[in-house]
């Protein structure tokens, strides 16, 4: 019975993550484009989210906003179920049912769960970033590097080896730690605060309030690591085998030196505009699916 409940949790988490990812994917694409802007001297003129959207619609139409969706969903089939189910398992394992963990303990558990999930899902994340960047290459009249997620997996393995699939895994793991520290701990803690202080019952209102709070804290904590992660993953070795950034620290230093400290929060509002609705769609649907499946509230 415990195994069946575990399988059900994994299934409903994957369903909620797919719904949230599909609903908010265009904002993630815009965020990625904004973070990559400024890397080349050609793109030195200022850009904005509106300009990026106009460029995508002009070159690729509405479907261009969903370029790279399939690897994003593949990633969430692994990433989200592992981190959510792990967090709940660790939380319940560490404390008896009538006690609660402190916010700092929840933050550490959330971070660890995110790290485990991200290591597993990193190859799909790499392909997603490369395909999103590809749509920008195509819009400049150049030949895109990949014609689909499986083509991208094959080409990366052929040119960069199997280890190439885990390129950028360190900044990715750092970001995952920070995002899940903010998201899982904040949602869990905020929900219990809302319910215990009689602001709302364990219903859609409580889930909405908690998801807004978790989205904001996750964005603030993770944005610098997200910028570094995106730039590290997007870089491919040149013909001589050289890369623009040696490691995530080198990327951090060069980004701040060339573009200033504010560059680390590039794409903050698109990130928040995506994480906020993502959190809302995910947590509200997840809590509802759990209820339908006969599971207790998260």
Protein backbone atom coordinates (compact mmCIF):
# COMPACT_ATOMS: atom_id res chain seq x y z
CA UNK A 1 0.00 0.00 0.00
CA UNK A 2 2.93 2.32 0.80
CA UNK A 3 4.51 1.53 -2.57
CA UNK A 4 1.22 2.29 -4.36
CA UNK A 5 0.93 5.64 -2.55
CA UNK A 6 4.55 6.44 -3.53
CA UNK A 7 3.84 5.62 -7.21
CA UNK A 8 0.65 7.72 -7.10
CA UNK A 9 2.60 10.68 -5.68
CA UNK A 10 5.18 10.42 -8.48
CA UNK A 11 2.41 10.27 -11.12
CA UNK A 12 0.38 13.25 -9.82
CA UNK A 13 3.58 15.29 -9.42
CA UNK A 14 4.57 14.61 -13.05
CA UNK A 15 1.04 15.57 -14.24
CA UNK A 16 1.06 18.85 -12.29
CA UNK A 17 4.59 19.70 -13.45
CA UNK A 18 3.63 19.08 -17.11
CA UNK A 19 0.60 21.38 -16.77
CA UNK A 20 2.68 24.11 -15.09
CA UNK A 21 5.54 23.82 -17.61
CA UNK A 22 3.22 24.02 -20.65
CA UNK A 23 1.35 27.03 -19.23
CA UNK A 24 4.49 29.06 -18.49
CA UNK A 25 7.02 27.87 -21.10
CA UNK A 26 6.91 31.02 -23.34
CA UNK A 27 8.05 33.16 -20.38
CA UNK A 28 10.97 30.76 -19.77
CA UNK A 29 12.00 31.11 -23.42
CA UNK A 30 11.98 34.93 -23.13
CA UNK A 31 14.00 34.72 -19.88
CA UNK A 32 16.65 32.51 -21.56
CA UNK A 33 16.96 34.91 -24.52
CA UNK A 34 17.35 37.90 -22.16
CA UNK A 35 20.05 36.11 -20.14
CA UNK A 36 22.05 35.28 -23.29
CA UNK A 37 21.72 38.85 -24.57
CA UNK A 38 24.94 40.78 -24.00
CA UNK A 39 27.23 37.76 -24.47
CA UNK A 40 28.17 38.82 -28.00
CA UNK A 41 29.31 42.30 -29.00
CA UNK A 42 26.87 42.14 -31.92
CA UNK A 43 23.93 42.28 -29.50
CA UNK A 44 25.25 45.30 -27.59
CA UNK A 45 22.07 47.39 -28.07
CA UNK A 46 19.57 47.23 -25.24
CA UNK A 47 16.81 44.68 -25.40
CA UNK A 48 13.60 44.03 -23.49
CA UNK A 49 11.06 41.25 -23.02
CA UNK A 50 8.67 43.01 -25.45
CA UNK A 51 11.39 43.24 -28.14
CA UNK A 52 12.26 39.54 -27.66
CA UNK A 53 8.58 38.50 -28.02
CA UNK A 54 8.17 40.67 -31.15
CA UNK A 55 11.30 39.09 -32.69
CA UNK A 56 10.08 35.52 -31.95
CA UNK A 57 6.60 36.18 -33.35
CA UNK A 58 8.02 37.88 -36.45
CA UNK A 59 10.44 35.06 -37.24
CA UNK A 60 8.74 31.89 -35.97
CA UNK A 61 5.09 32.76 -35.30
CA UNK A 62 3.18 31.76 -32.15
CA UNK A 63 4.65 28.22 -32.19
CA UNK A 64 8.11 29.77 -31.85
CA UNK A 65 7.20 30.57 -28.23
CA UNK A 66 7.11 26.81 -27.55
CA UNK A 67 10.46 25.90 -29.12
CA UNK A 68 12.18 23.50 -26.72
CA UNK A 69 8.98 22.47 -24.88
CA UNK A 70 9.47 18.71 -25.37
CA UNK A 71 12.88 18.51 -23.57
CA UNK A 72 11.44 20.80 -20.87
CA UNK A 73 8.60 18.32 -20.23
CA UNK A 74 11.01 15.34 -20.38
CA UNK A 75 13.14 17.12 -17.74
CA UNK A 76 10.17 17.68 -15.45
CA UNK A 77 9.17 14.01 -15.69
CA UNK A 78 12.34 13.33 -13.67
CA UNK A 79 13.16 16.59 -11.88
CA UNK A 80 9.90 17.55 -10.17
CA UNK A 81 8.69 14.11 -8.95
CA UNK A 82 12.16 13.36 -7.48
CA UNK A 83 12.48 16.70 -5.63
CA UNK A 84 8.88 16.89 -4.33
CA UNK A 85 8.59 13.25 -3.22
CA UNK A 86 12.12 13.33 -1.70
CA UNK A 87 11.32 16.49 0.24
CA UNK A 88 8.10 15.05 1.66
CA UNK A 89 9.84 11.76 2.54
CA UNK A 90 12.72 13.53 4.34
CA UNK A 91 10.36 15.92 6.13
CA UNK A 92 8.15 13.08 7.42
CA UNK A 93 11.17 10.88 8.22
CA UNK A 94 12.86 13.54 10.36
CA UNK A 95 9.90 14.55 12.53
CA UNK A 96 6.91 12.78 14.12
CA UNK A 97 3.46 13.63 12.74
CA UNK A 98 2.52 16.04 15.57
CA UNK A 99 5.69 18.17 15.28
CA UNK A 100 6.94 20.60 12.63
CA UNK A 101 10.40 21.38 11.33
CA UNK A 102 11.97 24.84 11.53
CA UNK A 103 12.18 26.96 8.37
CA UNK A 104 15.99 26.51 8.22
CA UNK A 105 15.63 22.69 8.41
CA UNK A 106 13.01 22.76 5.66
CA UNK A 107 15.32 24.97 3.56
CA UNK A 108 18.20 22.46 3.86
CA UNK A 109 15.90 19.49 3.04
CA UNK A 110 14.48 21.43 0.07
CA UNK A 111 17.98 22.25 -1.19
CA UNK A 112 19.20 18.63 -0.90
CA UNK A 113 16.08 17.31 -2.69
CA UNK A 114 16.65 19.82 -5.50
CA UNK A 115 20.31 18.85 -5.91
CA UNK A 116 19.51 15.10 -6.24
CA UNK A 117 16.74 15.80 -8.77
CA UNK A 118 18.87 18.21 -10.80
CA UNK A 119 21.81 15.82 -11.22
CA UNK A 120 19.39 13.27 -12.73
CA UNK A 121 17.59 15.79 -14.97
CA UNK A 122 20.60 17.89 -16.07
CA UNK A 123 20.96 16.39 -19.61
CA UNK A 124 17.33 17.27 -20.47
CA UNK A 125 17.88 20.78 -19.06
CA UNK A 126 20.98 21.21 -21.25
CA UNK A 127 19.05 20.21 -24.38
CA UNK A 128 16.21 22.59 -23.42
CA UNK A 129 18.60 25.58 -23.08
CA UNK A 130 20.43 24.72 -26.35
CA UNK A 131 17.12 24.43 -28.27
CA UNK A 132 15.84 27.73 -26.84
CA UNK A 133 19.10 29.43 -27.85
CA UNK A 134 18.81 27.74 -31.28
CA UNK A 135 15.63 29.64 -32.06
CA UNK A 136 17.66 32.87 -31.64
CA UNK A 137 20.34 31.54 -34.05
CA UNK A 138 17.63 30.65 -36.60
CA UNK A 139 16.07 34.12 -36.27
CA UNK A 140 19.42 35.63 -37.38
CA UNK A 141 19.21 33.62 -40.61
CA UNK A 142 21.73 30.99 -39.52
CA UNK A 143 21.31 27.20 -39.57
CA UNK A 144 20.06 25.91 -36.18
CA UNK A 145 22.33 23.37 -34.48
CA UNK A 146 19.63 20.77 -33.75
CA UNK A 147 16.37 19.71 -35.39
CA UNK A 148 14.80 18.14 -32.28
CA UNK A 149 15.52 16.93 -28.73
CA UNK A 150 16.77 13.47 -29.76
CA UNK A 151 18.96 14.96 -32.50
CA UNK A 152 20.39 17.32 -29.84
CA UNK A 153 21.12 14.42 -27.45
CA UNK A 154 22.91 12.49 -30.25
CA UNK A 155 24.95 15.45 -31.50
CA UNK A 156 26.04 16.48 -27.99
CA UNK A 157 27.19 12.90 -27.23
CA UNK A 158 29.04 12.68 -30.59
CA UNK A 159 30.82 16.05 -30.33
CA UNK A 160 31.22 16.50 -26.55
CA UNK A 161 30.98 12.92 -25.24
CA UNK A 162 28.53 11.55 -22.67
CA UNK A 163 30.04 13.88 -20.06
CA UNK A 164 29.00 16.76 -22.32
CA UNK A 165 25.37 16.08 -21.33
CA UNK A 166 26.27 17.21 -17.83
CA UNK A 167 27.91 20.47 -18.97
CA UNK A 168 26.93 23.24 -16.57
CA UNK A 169 25.85 20.69 -13.94
CA UNK A 170 27.64 22.60 -11.16
CA UNK A 171 25.87 25.97 -11.67
CA UNK A 172 22.74 23.94 -12.36
CA UNK A 173 23.02 22.16 -9.01
CA UNK A 174 23.76 25.47 -7.24
CA UNK A 175 20.63 26.98 -8.78
CA UNK A 176 18.54 23.89 -7.94
CA UNK A 177 19.68 24.08 -4.30
CA UNK A 178 18.69 27.75 -4.06
CA UNK A 179 15.40 27.41 -6.00
CA UNK A 180 14.20 24.44 -3.95
CA UNK A 181 15.42 25.99 -0.72
CA UNK A 182 13.22 29.00 -1.51
CA UNK A 183 10.34 27.18 -3.18
CA UNK A 184 9.72 24.04 -1.13
CA UNK A 185 10.57 25.43 2.30
CA UNK A 186 8.68 28.68 1.69
CA UNK A 187 5.56 26.98 0.28
CA UNK A 188 5.49 24.43 3.10
CA UNK A 189 6.10 27.03 5.83
CA UNK A 190 3.77 29.68 4.34
CA UNK A 191 0.94 27.16 3.95
CA UNK A 192 1.20 26.09 7.58
CA UNK A 193 1.38 29.74 8.71
CA UNK A 194 -1.76 30.63 6.69
CA UNK A 195 -3.69 27.62 8.06
CA UNK A 196 -2.46 27.85 11.70
CA UNK A 197 -3.27 31.58 11.90
CA UNK A 198 -6.78 31.00 10.48
CA UNK A 199 -6.09 33.20 7.43
CA UNK A 200 -7.54 30.38 5.32
CA UNK A 201 -8.35 26.70 5.55
CA UNK A 202 -6.35 24.08 3.62
CA UNK A 203 -7.95 25.17 0.33
CA UNK A 204 -7.20 26.90 -2.98
CA UNK A 205 -6.86 30.30 -1.23
CA UNK A 206 -4.14 29.00 1.11
CA UNK A 207 -2.40 27.20 -1.78
CA UNK A 208 -2.47 30.38 -3.92
CA UNK A 209 -1.07 32.64 -1.18
CA UNK A 210 1.69 30.13 -0.37
CA UNK A 211 2.63 29.65 -4.04
CA UNK A 212 2.99 33.45 -4.55
CA UNK A 213 5.35 33.70 -1.56
CA UNK A 214 7.42 30.69 -2.65
CA UNK A 215 7.72 32.02 -6.21
CA UNK A 216 9.13 35.36 -5.08
CA UNK A 217 11.66 33.88 -2.63
CA UNK A 218 12.81 31.23 -5.14
CA UNK A 219 13.36 33.88 -7.86
CA UNK A 220 15.37 36.24 -5.64
CA UNK A 221 17.66 33.47 -4.41
CA UNK A 222 18.18 31.68 -7.72
CA UNK A 223 18.42 34.37 -10.41
CA UNK A 224 22.26 34.86 -10.32
CA UNK A 225 22.88 31.10 -10.44
CA UNK A 226 20.29 30.83 -13.23
CA UNK A 227 22.11 33.39 -15.40
CA UNK A 228 25.45 31.57 -14.91
CA UNK A 229 23.79 28.18 -15.55
CA UNK A 230 22.18 29.39 -18.80
CA UNK A 231 25.45 30.85 -20.15
CA UNK A 232 27.50 27.80 -19.15
CA UNK A 233 25.04 25.39 -20.78
CA UNK A 234 24.68 27.40 -23.97
CA UNK A 235 28.42 27.55 -24.73
CA UNK A 236 29.73 24.93 -27.11
CA UNK A 237 33.46 24.41 -27.74
CA UNK A 238 34.92 26.07 -30.86
CA UNK A 239 36.96 24.21 -33.51
CA UNK A 240 40.08 24.43 -31.34
CA UNK A 241 38.16 22.93 -28.41
CA UNK A 242 38.15 26.17 -26.42
CA UNK A 243 35.18 27.50 -24.43
CA UNK A 244 34.36 31.10 -23.52
CA UNK A 245 34.09 30.23 -19.80
CA UNK A 246 36.40 27.78 -18.01
CA UNK A 247 33.96 27.15 -15.15
CA UNK A 248 31.01 28.75 -13.36
CA UNK A 249 33.28 31.04 -11.29
CA UNK A 250 35.02 32.26 -14.47
CA UNK A 251 31.58 32.91 -16.00
CA UNK A 252 30.51 34.84 -12.89
CA UNK A 253 33.65 37.02 -12.89
CA UNK A 254 33.50 37.75 -16.65
CA UNK A 255 29.76 38.55 -16.54
CA UNK A 256 30.16 41.01 -13.63
CA UNK A 257 33.34 42.57 -15.14
CA UNK A 258 31.81 43.14 -18.58
CA UNK A 259 28.15 43.83 -17.72
CA UNK A 260 28.15 44.83 -14.05
CA UNK A 261 26.60 43.25 -10.94
CA UNK A 262 23.03 43.92 -12.13
CA UNK A 263 23.62 41.45 -14.99
CA UNK A 264 23.30 38.61 -12.44
CA UNK A 265 19.62 39.50 -12.11
CA UNK A 266 19.08 39.68 -15.87
CA UNK A 267 15.70 38.25 -16.66
CA UNK A 268 14.51 38.72 -13.02
CA UNK A 269 10.99 39.80 -13.95
CA UNK A 270 10.51 37.15 -16.67
CA UNK A 271 11.88 34.60 -14.15
CA UNK A 272 9.41 35.79 -11.52
CA UNK A 273 6.64 36.14 -14.11
CA UNK A 274 7.26 32.46 -14.91
CA UNK A 275 7.99 31.08 -11.43
CA UNK A 276 4.94 32.81 -9.92
CA UNK A 277 2.36 31.32 -12.33
CA UNK A 278 4.36 28.05 -12.47
CA UNK A 279 4.13 27.74 -8.69
CA UNK A 280 0.42 28.61 -8.78
CA UNK A 281 -0.49 26.11 -11.52
CA UNK A 282 1.73 23.40 -10.03
CA UNK A 283 0.77 23.63 -6.35
CA UNK A 284 -2.97 24.21 -6.87
CA UNK A 285 -3.27 21.32 -9.38
CA UNK A 286 -0.93 19.11 -7.29
CA UNK A 287 -2.97 19.59 -4.11
CA UNK A 288 -6.18 18.92 -6.11
CA UNK A 289 -4.76 15.78 -7.77
CA UNK A 290 -3.63 14.49 -4.36
CA UNK A 291 -7.14 15.03 -3.02
CA UNK A 292 -8.70 13.19 -6.00
CA UNK A 293 -6.20 10.32 -5.60
CA UNK A 294 -7.15 9.99 -1.90
CA UNK A 295 -3.76 11.24 -0.61
CA UNK A 296 -3.31 13.65 2.31
CA UNK A 297 -2.49 17.32 1.68
CA UNK A 298 1.22 18.07 1.00
